[in-house]
Amino acid sequence: MTTSMQGQGLHEQRGMGTQQHTEGTVAKTMEQHTAKIPSDVFLWAAVGSIGASALLQLMGKKKASLFVGEWVSPFLLLGVYNKIVKVAGSDRAH
């Protein structure tokens, strides 16, 4: 049994079938625009927010430091989303 046949059988066992679902216009538009942004932008934004947070901490602005430090995770998550859209966009042909 080939790998694709095994994967297809697994989907059928779980009740997923082979039905294709498509994204709405908002998701498609968002994917088209985010795919244009280099993945490095999100990584550097996360590193920049770490640096800015550390600098604010050293300046004694603890609340501002915590606020800016919380931006790291969303930037990294957006970078992962960006990479997924580039590699396996929602309606990409297999």
PDB file of N, CA and C in Angstrom:
ATOM      1  N   MET A   1       0.854  -1.185   0.000  1.00  0.00           N
ATOM      2  CA  MET A   1       0.000   0.000   0.000  1.00  0.00           C
ATOM      3  C   MET A   1       0.891   1.236   0.000  1.00  0.00           C
ATOM      4  N   THR A   2       0.600   2.191  -0.875  1.00  0.00           N
ATOM      5  CA  THR A   2       1.421   3.394  -0.958  1.00  0.00           C
ATOM      6  C   THR A   2       1.072   4.354   0.172  1.00  0.00           C
ATOM      7  N   THR A   3       1.966   5.312   0.374  1.00  0.00           N
ATOM      8  CA  THR A   3       1.759   6.283   1.453  1.00  0.00           C
ATOM      9  C   THR A   3       0.488   7.084   1.251  1.00  0.00           C
ATOM     10  N   SER A   4       0.218   7.517  -0.006  1.00  0.00           N
ATOM     11  CA  SER A   4      -0.991   8.311  -0.240  1.00  0.00           C
ATOM     12  C   SER A   4      -2.244   7.488   0.014  1.00  0.00           C
ATOM     13  N   MET A   5      -2.193   6.207  -0.300  1.00  0.00           N
ATOM     14  CA  MET A   5      -3.350   5.347  -0.046  1.00  0.00           C
ATOM     15  C   MET A   5      -3.539   5.141   1.456  1.00  0.00           C
ATOM     16  N   GLN A   6      -2.429   5.025   2.178  1.00  0.00           N
ATOM     17  CA  GLN A   6      -2.516   4.869   3.630  1.00  0.00           C
ATOM     18  C   GLN A   6      -3.118   6.123   4.245  1.00  0.00           C
ATOM     19  N   GLY A   7      -2.661   7.290   3.795  1.00  0.00           N
ATOM     20  CA  GLY A   7      -3.189   8.553   4.317  1.00  0.00           C
ATOM     21  C   GLY A   7      -4.661   8.702   4.003  1.00  0.00           C
ATOM     22  N   GLN A   8      -5.060   8.284   2.801  1.00  0.00           N
ATOM     23  CA  GLN A   8      -6.462   8.363   2.411  1.00  0.00           C
ATOM     24  C   GLN A   8      -7.306   7.445   3.285  1.00  0.00           C
ATOM     25  N   GLY A   9      -6.804   6.250   3.550  1.00  0.00           N
ATOM     26  CA  GLY A   9      -7.519   5.322   4.425  1.00  0.00           C
ATOM     27  C   GLY A   9      -7.655   5.872   5.828  1.00  0.00           C
ATOM     28  N   LEU A  10      -6.624   6.552   6.302  1.00  0.00           N
ATOM     29  CA  LEU A  10      -6.650   7.142   7.637  1.00  0.00           C
ATOM     30  C   LEU A  10      -7.726   8.215   7.722  1.00  0.00           C
ATOM     31  N   HIS A  11      -7.829   9.050   6.685  1.00  0.00           N
ATOM     32  CA  HIS A  11      -8.865  10.081   6.669  1.00  0.00           C
ATOM     33  C   HIS A  11     -10.251   9.458   6.650  1.00  0.00           C
ATOM     34  N   GLU A  12     -10.424   8.392   5.905  1.00  0.00           N
ATOM     35  CA  GLU A  12     -11.727   7.736   5.843  1.00  0.00           C
ATOM     36  C   GLU A  12     -12.072   7.081   7.181  1.00  0.00           C
ATOM     37  N   GLN A  13     -11.061   6.530   7.867  1.00  0.00           N
ATOM     38  CA  GLN A  13     -11.298   5.914   9.174  1.00  0.00           C
ATOM     39  C   GLN A  13     -11.761   6.953  10.183  1.00  0.00           C
ATOM     40  N   ARG A  14     -11.235   8.143  10.077  1.00  0.00           N
ATOM     41  CA  ARG A  14     -11.592   9.201  11.025  1.00  0.00           C
ATOM     42  C   ARG A  14     -12.860   9.943  10.601  1.00  0.00           C
ATOM     43  N   GLY A  15     -13.455   9.529   9.494  1.00  0.00           N
ATOM     44  CA  GLY A  15     -14.686  10.164   9.049  1.00  0.00           C
ATOM     45  C   GLY A  15     -14.473  11.473   8.330  1.00  0.00           C
ATOM     46  N   MET A  16     -13.241  11.718   7.876  1.00  0.00           N
ATOM     47  CA  MET A  16     -12.948  12.978   7.213  1.00  0.00           C
ATOM     48  C   MET A  16     -13.282  12.929   5.726  1.00  0.00           C
ATOM     49  N   GLY A  17     -13.238  11.759   5.112  1.00  0.00           N
ATOM     50  CA  GLY A  17     -13.516  11.635   3.691  1.00  0.00           C
ATOM     51  C   GLY A  17     -12.485  12.384   2.870  1.00  0.00           C
ATOM     52  N   THR A  18     -12.793  12.593   1.613  1.00  0.00           N
ATOM     53  CA  THR A  18     -11.862  13.296   0.741  1.00  0.00           C
ATOM     54  C   THR A  18     -12.448  14.611   0.253  1.00  0.00           C
ATOM     55  N   GLN A  19     -13.479  15.104   0.897  1.00  0.00           N
ATOM     56  CA  GLN A  19     -14.139  16.347   0.504  1.00  0.00           C
ATOM     57  C   GLN A  19     -13.196  17.527   0.731  1.00  0.00           C
ATOM     58  N   GLN A  20     -13.095  18.389  -0.285  1.00  0.00           N
ATOM     59  CA  GLN A  20     -12.245  19.575  -0.192  1.00  0.00           C
ATOM     60  C   GLN A  20     -13.061  20.761   0.319  1.00  0.00           C
ATOM     61  N   HIS A  21     -12.470  21.554   1.173  1.00  0.00           N
ATOM     62  CA  HIS A  21     -13.103  22.768   1.678  1.00  0.00           C
ATOM     63  C   HIS A  21     -12.296  23.953   1.173  1.00  0.00           C
ATOM     64  N   THR A  22     -12.954  25.038   0.856  1.00  0.00           N
ATOM     65  CA  THR A  22     -12.251  26.223   0.377  1.00  0.00           C
ATOM     66  C   THR A  22     -12.402  27.350   1.382  1.00  0.00           C
ATOM     67  N   GLU A  23     -11.460  28.266   1.312  1.00  0.00           N
ATOM     68  CA  GLU A  23     -11.466  29.430   2.205  1.00  0.00           C
ATOM     69  C   GLU A  23     -12.360  30.517   1.628  1.00  0.00           C
ATOM     70  N   GLY A  24     -12.827  31.398   2.491  1.00  0.00           N
ATOM     71  CA  GLY A  24     -13.625  32.543   2.068  1.00  0.00           C
ATOM     72  C   GLY A  24     -12.749  33.631   1.469  1.00  0.00           C
ATOM     73  N   THR A  25     -13.367  34.664   0.977  1.00  0.00           N
ATOM     74  CA  THR A  25     -12.620  35.735   0.320  1.00  0.00           C
ATOM     75  C   THR A  25     -11.716  36.497   1.282  1.00  0.00           C
ATOM     76  N   VAL A  26     -12.146  36.658   2.523  1.00  0.00           N
ATOM     77  CA  VAL A  26     -11.311  37.379   3.499  1.00  0.00           C
ATOM     78  C   VAL A  26     -10.020  36.605   3.763  1.00  0.00           C
ATOM     79  N   ALA A  27     -10.137  35.297   3.990  1.00  0.00           N
ATOM     80  CA  ALA A  27      -8.957  34.471   4.249  1.00  0.00           C
ATOM     81  C   ALA A  27      -8.033  34.431   3.037  1.00  0.00           C
ATOM     82  N   LYS A  28      -8.608  34.307   1.844  1.00  0.00           N
ATOM     83  CA  LYS A  28      -7.787  34.283   0.621  1.00  0.00           C
ATOM     84  C   LYS A  28      -7.034  35.591   0.451  1.00  0.00           C
ATOM     85  N   THR A  29      -7.716  36.706   0.668  1.00  0.00           N
ATOM     86  CA  THR A  29      -7.078  38.016   0.535  1.00  0.00           C
ATOM     87  C   THR A  29      -5.972  38.184   1.558  1.00  0.00           C
ATOM     88  N   MET A  30      -6.244  37.766   2.789  1.00  0.00           N
ATOM     89  CA  MET A  30      -5.240  37.852   3.844  1.00  0.00           C
ATOM     90  C   MET A  30      -4.007  37.012   3.503  1.00  0.00           C
ATOM     91  N   GLU A  31      -4.234  35.804   3.005  1.00  0.00           N
ATOM     92  CA  GLU A  31      -3.127  34.917   2.642  1.00  0.00           C
ATOM     93  C   GLU A  31      -2.309  35.502   1.503  1.00  0.00           C
ATOM     94  N   GLN A  32      -2.968  36.109   0.517  1.00  0.00           N
ATOM     95  CA  GLN A  32      -2.249  36.706  -0.605  1.00  0.00           C
ATOM     96  C   GLN A  32      -1.334  37.833  -0.133  1.00  0.00           C
ATOM     97  N   HIS A  33      -1.811  38.638   0.810  1.00  0.00           N
ATOM     98  CA  HIS A  33      -1.004  39.763   1.294  1.00  0.00           C
ATOM     99  C   HIS A  33       0.090  39.312   2.259  1.00  0.00           C
ATOM    100  N   THR A  34      -0.221  38.395   3.161  1.00  0.00           N
ATOM    101  CA  THR A  34       0.798  37.967   4.125  1.00  0.00           C
ATOM    102  C   THR A  34       1.890  37.136   3.464  1.00  0.00           C
ATOM    103  N   ALA A  35       1.577  36.452   2.369  1.00  0.00           N
ATOM    104  CA  ALA A  35       2.585  35.654   1.676  1.00  0.00           C
ATOM    105  C   ALA A  35       3.664  36.538   1.055  1.00  0.00           C
ATOM    106  N   LYS A  36       3.366  37.815   0.842  1.00  0.00           N
ATOM    107  CA  LYS A  36       4.332  38.747   0.262  1.00  0.00           C
ATOM    108  C   LYS A  36       5.382  39.201   1.278  1.00  0.00           C
ATOM    109  N   ILE A  37       5.088  39.051   2.560  1.00  0.00           N
ATOM    110  CA  ILE A  37       5.990  39.524   3.615  1.00  0.00           C
ATOM    111  C   ILE A  37       7.058  38.452   3.880  1.00  0.00           C
ATOM    112  N   PRO A  38       8.337  38.835   3.838  1.00  0.00           N
ATOM    113  CA  PRO A  38       9.387  37.857   4.148  1.00  0.00           C
ATOM    114  C   PRO A  38       9.257  37.351   5.587  1.00  0.00           C
ATOM    115  N   SER A  39       9.511  36.071   5.784  1.00  0.00           N
ATOM    116  CA  SER A  39       9.380  35.470   7.117  1.00  0.00           C
ATOM    117  C   SER A  39      10.329  36.101   8.134  1.00  0.00           C
ATOM    118  N   ASP A  40      11.467  36.604   7.660  1.00  0.00           N
ATOM    119  CA  ASP A  40      12.438  37.228   8.561  1.00  0.00           C
ATOM    120  C   ASP A  40      11.867  38.446   9.284  1.00  0.00           C
ATOM    121  N   VAL A  41      10.913  39.122   8.668  1.00  0.00           N
ATOM    122  CA  VAL A  41      10.336  40.328   9.275  1.00  0.00           C
ATOM    123  C   VAL A  41       9.750  40.000  10.648  1.00  0.00           C
ATOM    124  N   PHE A  42       9.042  38.891  10.745  1.00  0.00           N
ATOM    125  CA  PHE A  42       8.410  38.527  12.012  1.00  0.00           C
ATOM    126  C   PHE A  42       9.449  38.115  13.059  1.00  0.00           C
ATOM    127  N   LEU A  43      10.493  37.428  12.616  1.00  0.00           N
ATOM    128  CA  LEU A  43      11.557  37.037  13.539  1.00  0.00           C
ATOM    129  C   LEU A  43      12.266  38.270  14.079  1.00  0.00           C
ATOM    130  N   TRP A  44      12.601  39.204  13.197  1.00  0.00           N
ATOM    131  CA  TRP A  44      13.278  40.420  13.643  1.00  0.00           C
ATOM    132  C   TRP A  44      12.376  41.298  14.505  1.00  0.00           C
ATOM    133  N   ALA A  45      11.084  41.288  14.229  1.00  0.00           N
ATOM    134  CA  ALA A  45      10.145  42.042  15.077  1.00  0.00           C
ATOM    135  C   ALA A  45      10.127  41.459  16.487  1.00  0.00           C
ATOM    136  N   ALA A  46      10.168  40.126  16.592  1.00  0.00           N
ATOM    137  CA  ALA A  46      10.193  39.478  17.905  1.00  0.00           C
ATOM    138  C   ALA A  46      11.493  39.805  18.641  1.00  0.00           C
ATOM    139  N   VAL A  47      12.617  39.712  17.933  1.00  0.00           N
ATOM    140  CA  VAL A  47      13.911  40.026  18.552  1.00  0.00           C
ATOM    141  C   VAL A  47      13.949  41.503  18.959  1.00  0.00           C
ATOM    142  N   GLY A  48      13.399  42.372  18.116  1.00  0.00           N
ATOM    143  CA  GLY A  48      13.351  43.802  18.439  1.00  0.00           C
ATOM    144  C   GLY A  48      12.518  44.088  19.670  1.00  0.00           C
ATOM    145  N   SER A  49      11.402  43.372  19.817  1.00  0.00           N
ATOM    146  CA  SER A  49      10.566  43.609  20.998  1.00  0.00           C
ATOM    147  C   SER A  49      11.241  43.082  22.266  1.00  0.00           C
ATOM    148  N   ILE A  50      12.028  42.025  22.126  1.00  0.00           N
ATOM    149  CA  ILE A  50      12.807  41.546  23.283  1.00  0.00           C
ATOM    150  C   ILE A  50      13.812  42.622  23.698  1.00  0.00           C
ATOM    151  N   GLY A  51      14.523  43.176  22.711  1.00  0.00           N
ATOM    152  CA  GLY A  51      15.507  44.222  22.996  1.00  0.00           C
ATOM    153  C   GLY A  51      14.874  45.478  23.581  1.00  0.00           C
ATOM    154  N   ALA A  52      13.747  45.882  22.995  1.00  0.00           N
ATOM    155  CA  ALA A  52      13.052  47.073  23.496  1.00  0.00           C
ATOM    156  C   ALA A  52      12.551  46.852  24.920  1.00  0.00           C
ATOM    157  N   SER A  53      12.062  45.640  25.178  1.00  0.00           N
ATOM    158  CA  SER A  53      11.595  45.313  26.524  1.00  0.00           C
ATOM    159  C   SER A  53      12.736  45.363  27.531  1.00  0.00           C
ATOM    160  N   ALA A  54      13.876  44.810  27.150  1.00  0.00           N
ATOM    161  CA  ALA A  54      15.049  44.836  28.039  1.00  0.00           C
ATOM    162  C   ALA A  54      15.505  46.266  28.295  1.00  0.00           C
ATOM    163  N   LEU A  55      15.505  47.087  27.241  1.00  0.00           N
ATOM    164  CA  LEU A  55      15.906  48.481  27.388  1.00  0.00           C
ATOM    165  C   LEU A  55      14.951  49.236  28.305  1.00  0.00           C
ATOM    166  N   LEU A  56      13.659  49.024  28.126  1.00  0.00           N
ATOM    167  CA  LEU A  56      12.673  49.674  28.996  1.00  0.00           C
ATOM    168  C   LEU A  56      12.833  49.220  30.452  1.00  0.00           C
ATOM    169  N   GLN A  57      13.161  47.951  30.642  1.00  0.00           N
ATOM    170  CA  GLN A  57      13.384  47.425  31.997  1.00  0.00           C
ATOM    171  C   GLN A  57      14.579  48.134  32.640  1.00  0.00           C
ATOM    172  N   LEU A  58      15.649  48.291  31.862  1.00  0.00           N
ATOM    173  CA  LEU A  58      16.840  48.975  32.377  1.00  0.00           C
ATOM    174  C   LEU A  58      16.576  50.452  32.684  1.00  0.00           C
ATOM    175  N   MET A  59      15.630  51.037  31.960  1.00  0.00           N
ATOM    176  CA  MET A  59      15.272  52.443  32.188  1.00  0.00           C
ATOM    177  C   MET A  59      14.301  52.596  33.352  1.00  0.00           C
ATOM    178  N   GLY A  60      13.867  51.472  33.937  1.00  0.00           N
ATOM    179  CA  GLY A  60      12.975  51.525  35.083  1.00  0.00           C
ATOM    180  C   GLY A  60      11.502  51.617  34.731  1.00  0.00           C
ATOM    181  N   LYS A  61      11.168  51.412  33.497  1.00  0.00           N
ATOM    182  CA  LYS A  61       9.763  51.472  33.059  1.00  0.00           C
ATOM    183  C   LYS A  61       9.211  50.048  32.976  1.00  0.00           C
ATOM    184  N   LYS A  62       8.919  49.507  34.148  1.00  0.00           N
ATOM    185  CA  LYS A  62       8.546  48.099  34.240  1.00  0.00           C
ATOM    186  C   LYS A  62       7.248  47.765  33.496  1.00  0.00           C
ATOM    187  N   LYS A  63       6.212  48.574  33.649  1.00  0.00           N
ATOM    188  CA  LYS A  63       4.929  48.275  32.986  1.00  0.00           C
ATOM    189  C   LYS A  63       5.069  48.317  31.462  1.00  0.00           C
ATOM    190  N   ALA A  64       5.771  49.321  30.965  1.00  0.00           N
ATOM    191  CA  ALA A  64       5.992  49.418  29.521  1.00  0.00           C
ATOM    192  C   ALA A  64       6.836  48.245  29.033  1.00  0.00           C
ATOM    193  N   SER A  65       7.811  47.843  29.837  1.00  0.00           N
ATOM    194  CA  SER A  65       8.666  46.712  29.498  1.00  0.00           C
ATOM    195  C   SER A  65       7.858  45.420  29.381  1.00  0.00           C
ATOM    196  N   LEU A  66       6.958  45.192  30.315  1.00  0.00           N
ATOM    197  CA  LEU A  66       6.116  43.995  30.260  1.00  0.00           C
ATOM    198  C   LEU A  66       5.167  44.038  29.071  1.00  0.00           C
ATOM    199  N   PHE A  67       4.636  45.220  28.777  1.00  0.00           N
ATOM    200  CA  PHE A  67       3.725  45.382  27.646  1.00  0.00           C
ATOM    201  C   PHE A  67       4.426  45.041  26.326  1.00  0.00           C
ATOM    202  N   VAL A  68       5.591  45.620  26.113  1.00  0.00           N
ATOM    203  CA  VAL A  68       6.340  45.374  24.878  1.00  0.00           C
ATOM    204  C   VAL A  68       6.850  43.935  24.834  1.00  0.00           C
ATOM    205  N   GLY A  69       7.221  43.377  25.969  1.00  0.00           N
ATOM    206  CA  GLY A  69       7.697  41.996  26.020  1.00  0.00           C
ATOM    207  C   GLY A  69       6.637  40.980  25.635  1.00  0.00           C
ATOM    208  N   GLU A  70       5.379  41.351  25.815  1.00  0.00           N
ATOM    209  CA  GLU A  70       4.297  40.436  25.442  1.00  0.00           C
ATOM    210  C   GLU A  70       4.056  40.382  23.939  1.00  0.00           C
ATOM    211  N   TRP A  71       4.725  41.225  23.166  1.00  0.00           N
ATOM    212  CA  TRP A  71       4.568  41.221  21.711  1.00  0.00           C
ATOM    213  C   TRP A  71       5.343  40.077  21.062  1.00  0.00           C
ATOM    214  N   VAL A  72       6.304  39.494  21.768  1.00  0.00           N
ATOM    215  CA  VAL A  72       7.175  38.473  21.180  1.00  0.00           C
ATOM    216  C   VAL A  72       6.360  37.286  20.654  1.00  0.00           C
ATOM    217  N   SER A  73       5.514  36.728  21.472  1.00  0.00           N
ATOM    218  CA  SER A  73       4.740  35.553  21.053  1.00  0.00           C
ATOM    219  C   SER A  73       3.845  35.810  19.843  1.00  0.00           C
ATOM    220  N   PRO A  74       3.085  36.903  19.805  1.00  0.00           N
ATOM    221  CA  PRO A  74       2.280  37.152  18.600  1.00  0.00           C
ATOM    222  C   PRO A  74       3.119  37.312  17.331  1.00  0.00           C
ATOM    223  N   PHE A  75       4.274  37.977  17.437  1.00  0.00           N
ATOM    224  CA  PHE A  75       5.130  38.111  16.259  1.00  0.00           C
ATOM    225  C   PHE A  75       5.599  36.742  15.767  1.00  0.00           C
ATOM    226  N   LEU A  76       6.014  35.882  16.685  1.00  0.00           N
ATOM    227  CA  LEU A  76       6.461  34.546  16.290  1.00  0.00           C
ATOM    228  C   LEU A  76       5.307  33.722  15.721  1.00  0.00           C
ATOM    229  N   LEU A  77       4.129  33.857  16.304  1.00  0.00           N
ATOM    230  CA  LEU A  77       2.962  33.140  15.801  1.00  0.00           C
ATOM    231  C   LEU A  77       2.591  33.615  14.395  1.00  0.00           C
ATOM    232  N   LEU A  78       2.660  34.914  14.161  1.00  0.00           N
ATOM    233  CA  LEU A  78       2.407  35.435  12.823  1.00  0.00           C
ATOM    234  C   LEU A  78       3.447  34.928  11.825  1.00  0.00           C
ATOM    235  N   GLY A  79       4.684  34.774  12.276  1.00  0.00           N
ATOM    236  CA  GLY A  79       5.725  34.219  11.416  1.00  0.00           C
ATOM    237  C   GLY A  79       5.438  32.782  11.032  1.00  0.00           C
ATOM    238  N   VAL A  80       4.940  32.007  11.967  1.00  0.00           N
ATOM    239  CA  VAL A  80       4.573  30.611  11.680  1.00  0.00           C
ATOM    240  C   VAL A  80       3.410  30.584  10.693  1.00  0.00           C
ATOM    241  N   TYR A  81       2.410  31.422  10.918  1.00  0.00           N
ATOM    242  CA  TYR A  81       1.275  31.505  10.000  1.00  0.00           C
ATOM    243  C   TYR A  81       1.753  31.877   8.600  1.00  0.00           C
ATOM    244  N   ASN A  82       2.641  32.866   8.527  1.00  0.00           N
ATOM    245  CA  ASN A  82       3.193  33.308   7.254  1.00  0.00           C
ATOM    246  C   ASN A  82       3.888  32.160   6.533  1.00  0.00           C
ATOM    247  N   LYS A  83       4.658  31.385   7.251  1.00  0.00           N
ATOM    248  CA  LYS A  83       5.382  30.267   6.646  1.00  0.00           C
ATOM    249  C   LYS A  83       4.415  29.186   6.164  1.00  0.00           C
ATOM    250  N   ILE A  84       3.394  28.898   6.940  1.00  0.00           N
ATOM    251  CA  ILE A  84       2.402  27.895   6.538  1.00  0.00           C
ATOM    252  C   ILE A  84       1.679  28.338   5.273  1.00  0.00           C
ATOM    253  N   VAL A  85       1.318  29.607   5.194  1.00  0.00           N
ATOM    254  CA  VAL A  85       0.628  30.123   4.012  1.00  0.00           C
ATOM    255  C   VAL A  85       1.518  29.981   2.782  1.00  0.00           C
ATOM    256  N   LYS A  86       2.811  30.251   2.930  1.00  0.00           N
ATOM    257  CA  LYS A  86       3.729  30.147   1.797  1.00  0.00           C
ATOM    258  C   LYS A  86       3.918  28.693   1.358  1.00  0.00           C
ATOM    259  N   VAL A  87       4.013  27.793   2.304  1.00  0.00           N
ATOM    260  CA  VAL A  87       4.295  26.393   1.990  1.00  0.00           C
ATOM    261  C   VAL A  87       3.035  25.632   1.567  1.00  0.00           C
ATOM    262  N   ALA A  88       1.953  25.841   2.286  1.00  0.00           N
ATOM    263  CA  ALA A  88       0.727  25.069   2.021  1.00  0.00           C
ATOM    264  C   ALA A  88      -0.484  25.972   2.105  1.00  0.00           C
ATOM    265  N   GLY A  89      -0.593  26.919   1.196  1.00  0.00           N
ATOM    266  CA  GLY A  89      -1.746  27.819   1.194  1.00  0.00           C
ATOM    267  C   GLY A  89      -3.049  27.046   1.204  1.00  0.00           C
ATOM    268  N   SER A  90      -4.106  27.667   1.637  1.00  0.00           N
ATOM    269  CA  SER A  90      -5.372  26.975   1.876  1.00  0.00           C
ATOM    270  C   SER A  90      -5.931  26.255   0.663  1.00  0.00           C
ATOM    271  N   ASP A  91      -5.853  26.847  -0.505  1.00  0.00           N
ATOM    272  CA  ASP A  91      -6.448  26.234  -1.686  1.00  0.00           C
ATOM    273  C   ASP A  91      -5.404  25.784  -2.699  1.00  0.00           C
ATOM    274  N   ARG A  92      -4.181  25.547  -2.250  1.00  0.00           N
ATOM    275  CA  ARG A  92      -3.106  25.136  -3.133  1.00  0.00           C
ATOM    276  C   ARG A  92      -3.364  23.733  -3.647  1.00  0.00           C
ATOM    277  N   ALA A  93      -3.075  23.496  -4.913  1.00  0.00           N
ATOM    278  CA  ALA A  93      -3.250  22.156  -5.501  1.00  0.00           C
ATOM    279  C   ALA A  93      -2.181  21.227  -4.949  1.00  0.00           C
ATOM    280  N   HIS A  94      -2.551  19.986  -4.676  1.00  0.00           N
ATOM    281  CA  HIS A  94      -1.610  19.028  -4.079  1.00  0.00           C
ATOM    282  C   HIS A  94      -0.826  18.403  -5.166  1.00  0.00           C
TER     283      HIS A  94
END
